[in-house]
Amino acid sequence: MVIGKAAKASGVNAKVLRSYESIGCYPGAARTGSDYHPRGPREVKTLRFIRQTRDLSLPMGRNKLLTHTNP
């Protein structure tokens, strides 16, 4: 799924999704040969989790630890 659809499905916007990737909180999707970043249900679930923890005011450093330890 493209970034816009993944963002909409997870409840965050594409700009926020990219910022999560840039700070390492969200691992992002692997690139294909055409430089496309496919995102599936697992990535959307991770994004929803990050959004929910942010709604609870957990610091981003804690989010990074949680998303990298819980698939």
PDB file of N, CA and C in Angstrom:
ATOM      1  N   MET A   1       0.858  -1.172   0.000  1.00  0.00           N
ATOM      2  CA  MET A   1       0.000   0.000   0.000  1.00  0.00           C
ATOM      3  C   MET A   1       0.898   1.227   0.000  1.00  0.00           C
ATOM      4  N   VAL A   2       0.501   2.246  -0.698  1.00  0.00           N
ATOM      5  CA  VAL A   2       1.308   3.465  -0.792  1.00  0.00           C
ATOM      6  C   VAL A   2       1.211   4.258   0.500  1.00  0.00           C
ATOM      7  N   ILE A   3       2.111   5.217   0.670  1.00  0.00           N
ATOM      8  CA  ILE A   3       2.213   5.957   1.928  1.00  0.00           C
ATOM      9  C   ILE A   3       0.905   6.660   2.315  1.00  0.00           C
ATOM     10  N   GLY A   4       0.216   7.228   1.348  1.00  0.00           N
ATOM     11  CA  GLY A   4      -1.035   7.921   1.650  1.00  0.00           C
ATOM     12  C   GLY A   4      -2.099   6.989   2.200  1.00  0.00           C
ATOM     13  N   LYS A   5      -2.218   5.808   1.605  1.00  0.00           N
ATOM     14  CA  LYS A   5      -3.204   4.832   2.080  1.00  0.00           C
ATOM     15  C   LYS A   5      -2.810   4.274   3.446  1.00  0.00           C
ATOM     16  N   ALA A   6      -1.525   4.026   3.642  1.00  0.00           N
ATOM     17  CA  ALA A   6      -1.056   3.530   4.942  1.00  0.00           C
ATOM     18  C   ALA A   6      -1.293   4.575   6.024  1.00  0.00           C
ATOM     19  N   ALA A   7      -1.028   5.829   5.693  1.00  0.00           N
ATOM     20  CA  ALA A   7      -1.244   6.909   6.654  1.00  0.00           C
ATOM     21  C   ALA A   7      -2.717   7.012   7.023  1.00  0.00           C
ATOM     22  N   LYS A   8      -3.580   6.972   6.016  1.00  0.00           N
ATOM     23  CA  LYS A   8      -5.019   7.076   6.272  1.00  0.00           C
ATOM     24  C   LYS A   8      -5.519   5.889   7.091  1.00  0.00           C
ATOM     25  N   ALA A   9      -5.063   4.687   6.755  1.00  0.00           N
ATOM     26  CA  ALA A   9      -5.494   3.479   7.474  1.00  0.00           C
ATOM     27  C   ALA A   9      -5.039   3.479   8.925  1.00  0.00           C
ATOM     28  N   SER A  10      -3.928   4.140   9.199  1.00  0.00           N
ATOM     29  CA  SER A  10      -3.388   4.148  10.565  1.00  0.00           C
ATOM     30  C   SER A  10      -3.821   5.355  11.380  1.00  0.00           C
ATOM     31  N   GLY A  11      -4.381   6.354  10.731  1.00  0.00           N
ATOM     32  CA  GLY A  11      -4.838   7.533  11.451  1.00  0.00           C
ATOM     33  C   GLY A  11      -3.798   8.626  11.609  1.00  0.00           C
ATOM     34  N   VAL A  12      -2.696   8.528  10.880  1.00  0.00           N
ATOM     35  CA  VAL A  12      -1.694   9.595  10.874  1.00  0.00           C
ATOM     36  C   VAL A  12      -1.577  10.116   9.446  1.00  0.00           C
ATOM     37  N   ASN A  13      -1.032  11.315   9.281  1.00  0.00           N
ATOM     38  CA  ASN A  13      -0.858  11.779   7.913  1.00  0.00           C
ATOM     39  C   ASN A  13       0.519  11.379   7.392  1.00  0.00           C
ATOM     40  N   ALA A  14       0.690  11.467   6.090  1.00  0.00           N
ATOM     41  CA  ALA A  14       1.926  11.003   5.445  1.00  0.00           C
ATOM     42  C   ALA A  14       3.154  11.748   5.965  1.00  0.00           C
ATOM     43  N   LYS A  15       3.011  13.027   6.263  1.00  0.00           N
ATOM     44  CA  LYS A  15       4.141  13.813   6.767  1.00  0.00           C
ATOM     45  C   LYS A  15       4.596  13.283   8.130  1.00  0.00           C
ATOM     46  N   VAL A  16       3.658  12.954   8.980  1.00  0.00           N
ATOM     47  CA  VAL A  16       3.980  12.390  10.297  1.00  0.00           C
ATOM     48  C   VAL A  16       4.629  11.020  10.133  1.00  0.00           C
ATOM     49  N   LEU A  17       4.106  10.208   9.225  1.00  0.00           N
ATOM     50  CA  LEU A  17       4.676   8.894   8.969  1.00  0.00           C
ATOM     51  C   LEU A  17       6.138   9.028   8.555  1.00  0.00           C
ATOM     52  N   ARG A  18       6.424   9.953   7.662  1.00  0.00           N
ATOM     53  CA  ARG A  18       7.814  10.169   7.232  1.00  0.00           C
ATOM     54  C   ARG A  18       8.689  10.649   8.385  1.00  0.00           C
ATOM     55  N   SER A  19       8.133  11.476   9.267  1.00  0.00           N
ATOM     56  CA  SER A  19       8.930  11.942  10.406  1.00  0.00           C
ATOM     57  C   SER A  19       9.226  10.792  11.361  1.00  0.00           C
ATOM     58  N   TYR A  20       8.269   9.877  11.557  1.00  0.00           N
ATOM     59  CA  TYR A  20       8.516   8.694  12.377  1.00  0.00           C
ATOM     60  C   TYR A  20       9.651   7.870  11.783  1.00  0.00           C
ATOM     61  N   GLU A  21       9.665   7.734  10.461  1.00  0.00           N
ATOM     62  CA  GLU A  21      10.739   6.991   9.797  1.00  0.00           C
ATOM     63  C   GLU A  21      12.084   7.690   9.985  1.00  0.00           C
ATOM     64  N   SER A  22      12.089   9.006   9.851  1.00  0.00           N
ATOM     65  CA  SER A  22      13.358   9.749   9.918  1.00  0.00           C
ATOM     66  C   SER A  22      13.992   9.728  11.305  1.00  0.00           C
ATOM     67  N   ILE A  23      13.179   9.664  12.363  1.00  0.00           N
ATOM     68  CA  ILE A  23      13.748   9.641  13.711  1.00  0.00           C
ATOM     69  C   ILE A  23      13.975   8.214  14.213  1.00  0.00           C
ATOM     70  N   GLY A  24      13.581   7.222  13.400  1.00  0.00           N
ATOM     71  CA  GLY A  24      13.828   5.833  13.772  1.00  0.00           C
ATOM     72  C   GLY A  24      12.770   5.218  14.661  1.00  0.00           C
ATOM     73  N   CYS A  25      11.666   5.917  14.882  1.00  0.00           N
ATOM     74  CA  CYS A  25      10.592   5.384  15.714  1.00  0.00           C
ATOM     75  C   CYS A  25       9.813   4.315  14.958  1.00  0.00           C
ATOM     76  N   TYR A  26       9.693   4.508  13.674  1.00  0.00           N
ATOM     77  CA  TYR A  26       9.000   3.574  12.796  1.00  0.00           C
ATOM     78  C   TYR A  26      10.023   3.051  11.803  1.00  0.00           C
ATOM     79  N   PRO A  27      10.227   1.743  11.746  1.00  0.00           N
ATOM     80  CA  PRO A  27      11.296   1.214  10.904  1.00  0.00           C
ATOM     81  C   PRO A  27      11.107   1.450   9.413  1.00  0.00           C
ATOM     82  N   GLY A  28       9.903   1.718   8.967  1.00  0.00           N
ATOM     83  CA  GLY A  28       9.672   1.950   7.550  1.00  0.00           C
ATOM     84  C   GLY A  28       9.583   0.651   6.776  1.00  0.00           C
ATOM     85  N   ALA A  29       9.320   0.784   5.524  1.00  0.00           N
ATOM     86  CA  ALA A  29       9.150  -0.387   4.662  1.00  0.00           C
ATOM     87  C   ALA A  29      10.394  -0.585   3.814  1.00  0.00           C
ATOM     88  N   ALA A  30      10.647  -1.825   3.467  1.00  0.00           N
ATOM     89  CA  ALA A  30      11.786  -2.132   2.595  1.00  0.00           C
ATOM     90  C   ALA A  30      11.510  -1.611   1.192  1.00  0.00           C
ATOM     91  N   ARG A  31      12.549  -1.174   0.538  1.00  0.00           N
ATOM     92  CA  ARG A  31      12.402  -0.665  -0.825  1.00  0.00           C
ATOM     93  C   ARG A  31      12.400  -1.808  -1.825  1.00  0.00           C
ATOM     94  N   THR A  32      11.620  -1.619  -2.876  1.00  0.00           N
ATOM     95  CA  THR A  32      11.644  -2.577  -3.975  1.00  0.00           C
ATOM     96  C   THR A  32      12.652  -2.093  -5.001  1.00  0.00           C
ATOM     97  N   GLY A  33      12.826  -2.848  -6.070  1.00  0.00           N
ATOM     98  CA  GLY A  33      13.760  -2.458  -7.124  1.00  0.00           C
ATOM     99  C   GLY A  33      13.411  -1.139  -7.778  1.00  0.00           C
ATOM    100  N   SER A  34      12.137  -0.770  -7.763  1.00  0.00           N
ATOM    101  CA  SER A  34      11.718   0.496  -8.369  1.00  0.00           C
ATOM    102  C   SER A  34      11.648   1.629  -7.345  1.00  0.00           C
ATOM    103  N   ASP A  35      12.289   1.438  -6.182  1.00  0.00           N
ATOM    104  CA  ASP A  35      12.333   2.437  -5.109  1.00  0.00           C
ATOM    105  C   ASP A  35      10.958   2.691  -4.489  1.00  0.00           C
ATOM    106  N   TYR A  36      10.091   1.721  -4.575  1.00  0.00           N
ATOM    107  CA  TYR A  36       8.759   1.794  -4.006  1.00  0.00           C
ATOM    108  C   TYR A  36       8.804   1.214  -2.597  1.00  0.00           C
ATOM    109  N   HIS A  37       8.103   1.820  -1.667  1.00  0.00           N
ATOM    110  CA  HIS A  37       8.070   1.368  -0.272  1.00  0.00           C
ATOM    111  C   HIS A  37       6.713   0.735   0.026  1.00  0.00           C
ATOM    112  N   PRO A  38       6.561  -0.551  -0.231  1.00  0.00           N
ATOM    113  CA  PRO A  38       5.253  -1.158   0.063  1.00  0.00           C
ATOM    114  C   PRO A  38       5.032  -1.269   1.571  1.00  0.00           C
ATOM    115  N   ARG A  39       3.826  -0.956   2.002  1.00  0.00           N
ATOM    116  CA  ARG A  39       3.463  -1.060   3.411  1.00  0.00           C
ATOM    117  C   ARG A  39       2.229  -1.933   3.508  1.00  0.00           C
ATOM    118  N   GLY A  40       2.263  -2.881   4.400  1.00  0.00           N
ATOM    119  CA  GLY A  40       1.157  -3.818   4.546  1.00  0.00           C
ATOM    120  C   GLY A  40       0.482  -3.692   5.895  1.00  0.00           C
ATOM    121  N   PRO A  41      -0.340  -4.669   6.232  1.00  0.00           N
ATOM    122  CA  PRO A  41      -1.082  -4.643   7.495  1.00  0.00           C
ATOM    123  C   PRO A  41      -0.181  -4.552   8.727  1.00  0.00           C
ATOM    124  N   ARG A  42       0.975  -5.184   8.688  1.00  0.00           N
ATOM    125  CA  ARG A  42       1.873  -5.132   9.846  1.00  0.00           C
ATOM    126  C   ARG A  42       2.372  -3.704  10.080  1.00  0.00           C
ATOM    127  N   GLU A  43       2.748  -3.018   9.011  1.00  0.00           N
ATOM    128  CA  GLU A  43       3.222  -1.638   9.149  1.00  0.00           C
ATOM    129  C   GLU A  43       2.107  -0.710   9.624  1.00  0.00           C
ATOM    130  N   VAL A  44       0.890  -0.934   9.116  1.00  0.00           N
ATOM    131  CA  VAL A  44      -0.247  -0.123   9.557  1.00  0.00           C
ATOM    132  C   VAL A  44      -0.519  -0.362  11.039  1.00  0.00           C
ATOM    133  N   LYS A  45      -0.408  -1.615  11.475  1.00  0.00           N
ATOM    134  CA  LYS A  45      -0.604  -1.928  12.890  1.00  0.00           C
ATOM    135  C   LYS A  45       0.435  -1.207  13.750  1.00  0.00           C
ATOM    136  N   THR A  46       1.679  -1.195  13.298  1.00  0.00           N
ATOM    137  CA  THR A  46       2.741  -0.502  14.026  1.00  0.00           C
ATOM    138  C   THR A  46       2.456   0.994  14.091  1.00  0.00           C
ATOM    139  N   LEU A  47       2.021   1.580  12.988  1.00  0.00           N
ATOM    140  CA  LEU A  47       1.699   3.010  12.968  1.00  0.00           C
ATOM    141  C   LEU A  47       0.539   3.331  13.908  1.00  0.00           C
ATOM    142  N   ARG A  48      -0.463   2.478  13.925  1.00  0.00           N
ATOM    143  CA  ARG A  48      -1.586   2.687  14.861  1.00  0.00           C
ATOM    144  C   ARG A  48      -1.103   2.635  16.300  1.00  0.00           C
ATOM    145  N   PHE A  49      -0.211   1.700  16.594  1.00  0.00           N
ATOM    146  CA  PHE A  49       0.342   1.575  17.932  1.00  0.00           C
ATOM    147  C   PHE A  49       1.094   2.853  18.321  1.00  0.00           C
ATOM    148  N   ILE A  50       1.922   3.355  17.414  1.00  0.00           N
ATOM    149  CA  ILE A  50       2.672   4.592  17.694  1.00  0.00           C
ATOM    150  C   ILE A  50       1.704   5.743  17.938  1.00  0.00           C
ATOM    151  N   ARG A  51       0.674   5.858  17.081  1.00  0.00           N
ATOM    152  CA  ARG A  51      -0.308   6.938  17.252  1.00  0.00           C
ATOM    153  C   ARG A  51      -0.993   6.829  18.606  1.00  0.00           C
ATOM    154  N   GLN A  52      -1.368   5.618  19.014  1.00  0.00           N
ATOM    155  CA  GLN A  52      -2.036   5.435  20.300  1.00  0.00           C
ATOM    156  C   GLN A  52      -1.125   5.788  21.469  1.00  0.00           C
ATOM    157  N   THR A  53       0.155   5.428  21.370  1.00  0.00           N
ATOM    158  CA  THR A  53       1.064   5.779  22.460  1.00  0.00           C
ATOM    159  C   THR A  53       1.289   7.285  22.506  1.00  0.00           C
ATOM    160  N   ARG A  54       1.302   7.924  21.354  1.00  0.00           N
ATOM    161  CA  ARG A  54       1.436   9.391  21.334  1.00  0.00           C
ATOM    162  C   ARG A  54       0.190  10.037  21.944  1.00  0.00           C
ATOM    163  N   ASP A  55      -0.989   9.451  21.678  1.00  0.00           N
ATOM    164  CA  ASP A  55      -2.223   9.953  22.282  1.00  0.00           C
ATOM    165  C   ASP A  55      -2.173   9.860  23.802  1.00  0.00           C
ATOM    166  N   LEU A  56      -1.413   8.884  24.309  1.00  0.00           N
ATOM    167  CA  LEU A  56      -1.247   8.714  25.755  1.00  0.00           C
ATOM    168  C   LEU A  56      -0.066   9.518  26.298  1.00  0.00           C
ATOM    169  N   SER A  57       0.574  10.289  25.429  1.00  0.00           N
ATOM    170  CA  SER A  57       1.695  11.179  25.766  1.00  0.00           C
ATOM    171  C   SER A  57       2.970  10.439  26.174  1.00  0.00           C
ATOM    172  N   LEU A  58       3.166   9.229  25.662  1.00  0.00           N
ATOM    173  CA  LEU A  58       4.443   8.560  25.896  1.00  0.00           C
ATOM    174  C   LEU A  58       5.515   9.242  25.058  1.00  0.00           C
ATOM    175  N   PRO A  59       6.718   9.396  25.586  1.00  0.00           N
ATOM    176  CA  PRO A  59       7.784  10.035  24.813  1.00  0.00           C
ATOM    177  C   PRO A  59       8.180   9.187  23.604  1.00  0.00           C
ATOM    178  N   MET A  60       8.633   9.840  22.540  1.00  0.00           N
ATOM    179  CA  MET A  60       8.995   9.143  21.315  1.00  0.00           C
ATOM    180  C   MET A  60      10.104   8.115  21.543  1.00  0.00           C
ATOM    181  N   GLY A  61      11.009   8.350  22.455  1.00  0.00           N
ATOM    182  CA  GLY A  61      12.060   7.382  22.751  1.00  0.00           C
ATOM    183  C   GLY A  61      11.476   6.077  23.258  1.00  0.00           C
ATOM    184  N   ARG A  62      10.443   6.164  24.046  1.00  0.00           N
ATOM    185  CA  ARG A  62       9.762   4.963  24.554  1.00  0.00           C
ATOM    186  C   ARG A  62       9.049   4.245  23.409  1.00  0.00           C
ATOM    187  N   ASN A  63       8.435   5.019  22.508  1.00  0.00           N
ATOM    188  CA  ASN A  63       7.780   4.434  21.339  1.00  0.00           C
ATOM    189  C   ASN A  63       8.780   3.651  20.506  1.00  0.00           C
ATOM    190  N   LYS A  64       9.939   4.207  20.329  1.00  0.00           N
ATOM    191  CA  LYS A  64      10.980   3.546  19.527  1.00  0.00           C
ATOM    192  C   LYS A  64      11.335   2.210  20.148  1.00  0.00           C
ATOM    193  N   LEU A  65      11.505   2.170  21.444  1.00  0.00           N
ATOM    194  CA  LEU A  65      11.836   0.929  22.142  1.00  0.00           C
ATOM    195  C   LEU A  65      10.701  -0.085  21.980  1.00  0.00           C
ATOM    196  N   LEU A  66       9.477   0.341  22.158  1.00  0.00           N
ATOM    197  CA  LEU A  66       8.333  -0.568  22.077  1.00  0.00           C
ATOM    198  C   LEU A  66       8.116  -1.102  20.667  1.00  0.00           C
ATOM    199  N   THR A  67       8.259  -0.272  19.648  1.00  0.00           N
ATOM    200  CA  THR A  67       7.992  -0.730  18.281  1.00  0.00           C
ATOM    201  C   THR A  67       9.084  -1.660  17.786  1.00  0.00           C
ATOM    202  N   HIS A  68      10.286  -1.569  18.325  1.00  0.00           N
ATOM    203  CA  HIS A  68      11.365  -2.435  17.887  1.00  0.00           C
ATOM    204  C   HIS A  68      11.420  -3.740  18.683  1.00  0.00           C
ATOM    205  N   THR A  69      10.670  -3.833  19.766  1.00  0.00           N
ATOM    206  CA  THR A  69      10.677  -5.049  20.556  1.00  0.00           C
ATOM    207  C   THR A  69       9.387  -5.848  20.413  1.00  0.00           C
ATOM    208  N   ASN A  70       8.320  -5.237  19.920  1.00  0.00           N
ATOM    209  CA  ASN A  70       7.035  -5.904  19.755  1.00  0.00           C
ATOM    210  C   ASN A  70       6.625  -5.886  18.294  1.00  0.00           C
ATOM    211  N   PRO A  71       6.736  -7.017  17.593  1.00  0.00           N
ATOM    212  CA  PRO A  71       6.362  -7.047  16.172  1.00  0.00           C
ATOM    213  C   PRO A  71       4.888  -6.870  15.952  1.00  0.00           C
TER     214      PRO A  71
END
